C-alpha cells in the first residue's frame, strides 16, 4: 500500500479515488493534485513509482491542509464559536443541528437515539 500524506491508501484502486481516502482531499483536490503532478488519474495506486508518490506528497504538503492539521483547525474553529457564546457555538454545545435544520422531526443524527419520556397518566377524579 502506498503511503500518501501519512495514510495507507488502497493500492488496487485508481489513484484518483485512492487519494480521496485522505481526510481533506475530495474529487476536486484529487484532480488538481494529479494534474499538477502530471500523473494519469486512471493509473492504479500500486503502479505508481516512488518518485510519483514523493511528487504527490510534496504537492499535498505544500498546498493543502489535510488529516491531523485539518481536524485540529476544525476543532479550534468550533472551540472559538463555543468560547464567544454565539448562536452556532451554543448549538454545538447543545448537540443540536447548527445550520438551521428543523428539529421537530428528524435531526436524529445530531441528537442521538430517541429518549422516551413518560407520558401523562390518565387523570382520575
C-alpha atoms as a PDB file:
ATOM      1  CA  UNK A   1       0.000   0.000   0.000  1.00  0.00           C
ATOM      2  CA  UNK A   2       1.444   3.379  -0.936  1.00  0.00           C
ATOM      3  CA  UNK A   3       1.610   5.949   1.878  1.00  0.00           C
ATOM      4  CA  UNK A   4       0.301   9.347   0.830  1.00  0.00           C
ATOM      5  CA  UNK A   5       0.219  12.184   3.384  1.00  0.00           C
ATOM      6  CA  UNK A   6       0.829   9.621   6.144  1.00  0.00           C
ATOM      7  CA  UNK A   7      -2.147   7.452   5.121  1.00  0.00           C
ATOM      8  CA  UNK A   8      -2.067   3.986   3.578  1.00  0.00           C
ATOM      9  CA  UNK A   9      -4.284   4.345   0.520  1.00  0.00           C
ATOM     10  CA  UNK A  10      -5.820   1.282  -1.181  1.00  0.00           C
ATOM     11  CA  UNK A  11      -3.438   0.018  -3.862  1.00  0.00           C
ATOM     12  CA  UNK A  12      -5.947  -1.705  -6.154  1.00  0.00           C
ATOM     13  CA  UNK A  13      -7.977   1.453  -6.786  1.00  0.00           C
ATOM     14  CA  UNK A  14      -7.258   4.128  -9.355  1.00  0.00           C
ATOM     15  CA  UNK A  15      -5.081   6.847  -7.849  1.00  0.00           C
ATOM     16  CA  UNK A  16      -7.839   9.445  -8.401  1.00  0.00           C
ATOM     17  CA  UNK A  17     -10.103   7.534  -5.981  1.00  0.00           C
ATOM     18  CA  UNK A  18      -7.325   6.365  -3.674  1.00  0.00           C
ATOM     19  CA  UNK A  19      -6.288   9.974  -2.978  1.00  0.00           C
ATOM     20  CA  UNK A  20      -9.797  10.698  -1.703  1.00  0.00           C
ATOM     21  CA  UNK A  21      -9.176   8.375   1.268  1.00  0.00           C
ATOM     22  CA  UNK A  22      -7.016  11.165   2.712  1.00  0.00           C
ATOM     23  CA  UNK A  23      -9.110  13.390   5.020  1.00  0.00           C
ATOM     24  CA  UNK A  24      -9.427  16.785   3.326  1.00  0.00           C
ATOM     25  CA  UNK A  25      -8.908  15.573  -0.256  1.00  0.00           C
ATOM     26  CA  UNK A  26     -12.086  15.311  -2.319  1.00  0.00           C
ATOM     27  CA  UNK A  27     -12.713  14.883  -6.046  1.00  0.00           C
ATOM     28  CA  UNK A  28     -11.652  18.423  -6.987  1.00  0.00           C
ATOM     29  CA  UNK A  29      -8.437  18.441  -4.950  1.00  0.00           C
ATOM     30  CA  UNK A  30      -7.554  14.921  -6.156  1.00  0.00           C
ATOM     31  CA  UNK A  31      -7.877  16.102  -9.775  1.00  0.00           C
ATOM     32  CA  UNK A  32      -5.838  19.255  -9.055  1.00  0.00           C
ATOM     33  CA  UNK A  33      -3.066  17.246  -7.346  1.00  0.00           C
ATOM     34  CA  UNK A  34      -2.811  14.727 -10.198  1.00  0.00           C
ATOM     35  CA  UNK A  35      -2.834  17.493 -12.836  1.00  0.00           C
ATOM     36  CA  UNK A  36      -0.033  19.334 -11.042  1.00  0.00           C
ATOM     37  CA  UNK A  37       1.992  16.129 -10.609  1.00  0.00           C
ATOM     38  CA  UNK A  38       1.388  15.113 -14.230  1.00  0.00           C
ATOM     39  CA  UNK A  39       0.025  11.683 -13.318  1.00  0.00           C
ATOM     40  CA  UNK A  40      -2.736   9.914 -15.254  1.00  0.00           C
ATOM     41  CA  UNK A  41      -5.823   9.601 -12.977  1.00  0.00           C
ATOM     42  CA  UNK A  42      -6.614   6.158 -14.448  1.00  0.00           C
ATOM     43  CA  UNK A  43      -3.390   4.554 -13.174  1.00  0.00           C
ATOM     44  CA  UNK A  44      -3.723   2.203 -10.209  1.00  0.00           C
ATOM     45  CA  UNK A  45      -2.119   3.243  -6.926  1.00  0.00           C
ATOM     46  CA  UNK A  46       0.148   0.172  -6.912  1.00  0.00           C
ATOM     47  CA  UNK A  47       1.505   1.111 -10.363  1.00  0.00           C
ATOM     48  CA  UNK A  48       2.984   4.391  -9.097  1.00  0.00           C
ATOM     49  CA  UNK A  49       6.741   4.726  -8.759  1.00  0.00           C
ATOM     50  CA  UNK A  50       8.441   6.112  -5.650  1.00  0.00           C
ATOM     51  CA  UNK A  51       9.092   9.388  -7.492  1.00  0.00           C
ATOM     52  CA  UNK A  52       5.366   9.706  -8.337  1.00  0.00           C
ATOM     53  CA  UNK A  53       4.411   9.155  -4.702  1.00  0.00           C
ATOM     54  CA  UNK A  54       7.005  11.640  -3.463  1.00  0.00           C
ATOM     55  CA  UNK A  55       5.747  14.224  -6.000  1.00  0.00           C
ATOM     56  CA  UNK A  56       2.162  13.765  -4.759  1.00  0.00           C
ATOM     57  CA  UNK A  57       3.299  14.004  -1.126  1.00  0.00           C
ATOM     58  CA  UNK A  58       5.257  17.181  -1.880  1.00  0.00           C
ATOM     59  CA  UNK A  59       2.253  18.822  -3.535  1.00  0.00           C
ATOM     60  CA  UNK A  60      -0.033  17.880  -0.629  1.00  0.00           C
ATOM     61  CA  UNK A  61       2.473  19.100   1.991  1.00  0.00           C
ATOM     62  CA  UNK A  62       2.993  22.452   0.260  1.00  0.00           C
ATOM     63  CA  UNK A  63      -0.518  23.386  -0.782  1.00  0.00           C
ATOM     64  CA  UNK A  64      -3.194  21.508   1.176  1.00  0.00           C
ATOM     65  CA  UNK A  65      -4.371  21.229   4.760  1.00  0.00           C
ATOM     66  CA  UNK A  66      -5.080  17.523   5.357  1.00  0.00           C
ATOM     67  CA  UNK A  67      -5.524  14.898   8.097  1.00  0.00           C
ATOM     68  CA  UNK A  68      -4.444  15.939  11.608  1.00  0.00           C
ATOM     69  CA  UNK A  69      -3.851  19.611  10.865  1.00  0.00           C
ATOM     70  CA  UNK A  70      -7.278  19.948   9.208  1.00  0.00           C
ATOM     71  CA  UNK A  71      -9.064  18.138  12.054  1.00  0.00           C
ATOM     72  CA  UNK A  72      -7.250  20.345  14.581  1.00  0.00           C
ATOM     73  CA  UNK A  73      -8.235  23.515  12.725  1.00  0.00           C
ATOM     74  CA  UNK A  74     -11.907  22.467  12.569  1.00  0.00           C
ATOM     75  CA  UNK A  75     -11.907  21.701  16.316  1.00  0.00           C
ATOM     76  CA  UNK A  76     -10.277  25.078  17.043  1.00  0.00           C
ATOM     77  CA  UNK A  77     -12.929  26.851  14.971  1.00  0.00           C
ATOM     78  CA  UNK A  78     -15.713  25.067  16.863  1.00  0.00           C
ATOM     79  CA  UNK A  79     -13.998  25.858  20.167  1.00  0.00           C
ATOM     80  CA  UNK A  80     -13.797  29.539  19.219  1.00  0.00           C
ATOM     81  CA  UNK A  81     -17.531  29.601  18.427  1.00  0.00           C
ATOM     82  CA  UNK A  82     -18.284  27.999  21.806  1.00  0.00           C
ATOM     83  CA  UNK A  83     -15.997  30.431  23.599  1.00  0.00           C
ATOM     84  CA  UNK A  84     -17.593  33.580  22.185  1.00  0.00           C
ATOM     85  CA  UNK A  85     -21.037  32.173  23.032  1.00  0.00           C
ATOM     86  CA  UNK A  86     -22.502  32.824  19.595  1.00  0.00           C
ATOM     87  CA  UNK A  87     -25.629  31.033  18.375  1.00  0.00           C
ATOM     88  CA  UNK A  88     -23.675  28.459  16.378  1.00  0.00           C
ATOM     89  CA  UNK A  89     -21.429  27.796  19.379  1.00  0.00           C
ATOM     90  CA  UNK A  90     -24.472  27.255  21.608  1.00  0.00           C
ATOM     91  CA  UNK A  91     -25.890  24.769  19.081  1.00  0.00           C
ATOM     92  CA  UNK A  92     -22.564  22.888  19.063  1.00  0.00           C
ATOM     93  CA  UNK A  93     -22.573  22.883  22.860  1.00  0.00           C
ATOM     94  CA  UNK A  94     -26.149  21.526  22.987  1.00  0.00           C
ATOM     95  CA  UNK A  95     -25.508  18.851  20.360  1.00  0.00           C
ATOM     96  CA  UNK A  96     -28.211  20.193  18.046  1.00  0.00           C
ATOM     97  CA  UNK A  97     -28.033  20.938  14.295  1.00  0.00           C
ATOM     98  CA  UNK A  98     -26.003  24.067  13.643  1.00  0.00           C
ATOM     99  CA  UNK A  99     -27.089  25.134  10.164  1.00  0.00           C
ATOM    100  CA  UNK A 100     -30.777  25.867  10.557  1.00  0.00           C
ATOM    101  CA  UNK A 101     -32.215  22.393  10.020  1.00  0.00           C
ATOM    102  CA  UNK A 102     -35.547  21.557  11.605  1.00  0.00           C
ATOM    103  CA  UNK A 103     -35.547  19.598  14.836  1.00  0.00           C
ATOM    104  CA  UNK A 104     -39.237  18.860  15.494  1.00  0.00           C
ATOM    105  CA  UNK A 105     -38.895  15.745  13.381  1.00  0.00           C
ATOM    106  CA  UNK A 106     -35.659  14.244  12.045  1.00  0.00           C
ATOM    107  CA  UNK A 107     -32.302  15.639  13.326  1.00  0.00           C
ATOM    108  CA  UNK A 108     -31.641  12.195  14.832  1.00  0.00           C
ATOM    109  CA  UNK A 109     -28.073  12.128  13.544  1.00  0.00           C
ATOM    110  CA  UNK A 110     -27.194  15.108  15.680  1.00  0.00           C
ATOM    111  CA  UNK A 111     -29.496  14.484  18.671  1.00  0.00           C
ATOM    112  CA  UNK A 112     -28.818  10.756  19.056  1.00  0.00           C
ATOM    113  CA  UNK A 113     -31.293   7.984  19.795  1.00  0.00           C
ATOM    114  CA  UNK A 114     -34.793   8.855  20.961  1.00  0.00           C
ATOM    115  CA  UNK A 115     -35.140   9.310  24.697  1.00  0.00           C
ATOM    116  CA  UNK A 116     -38.563   8.064  25.720  1.00  0.00           C
ATOM    117  CA  UNK A 117     -40.342  10.457  28.054  1.00  0.00           C
ATOM    118  CA  UNK A 118     -43.081   9.103  30.312  1.00  0.00           C
ATOM    119  CA  UNK A 119     -46.415  10.493  29.145  1.00  0.00           C
ATOM    120  CA  UNK A 120     -49.108  11.945  31.393  1.00  0.00           C
ATOM    121  CA  UNK A 121     -51.063   9.280  33.223  1.00  0.00           C
ATOM    122  CA  UNK A 122     -54.815   9.355  32.869  1.00  0.00           C
ATOM    123  CA  UNK A 123     -56.293  11.842  35.327  1.00  0.00           C
ATOM    124  CA  UNK A 124     -58.510  10.062  37.822  1.00  0.00           C
ATOM    125  CA  UNK A 125     -61.004  12.008  39.822  1.00  0.00           C
END
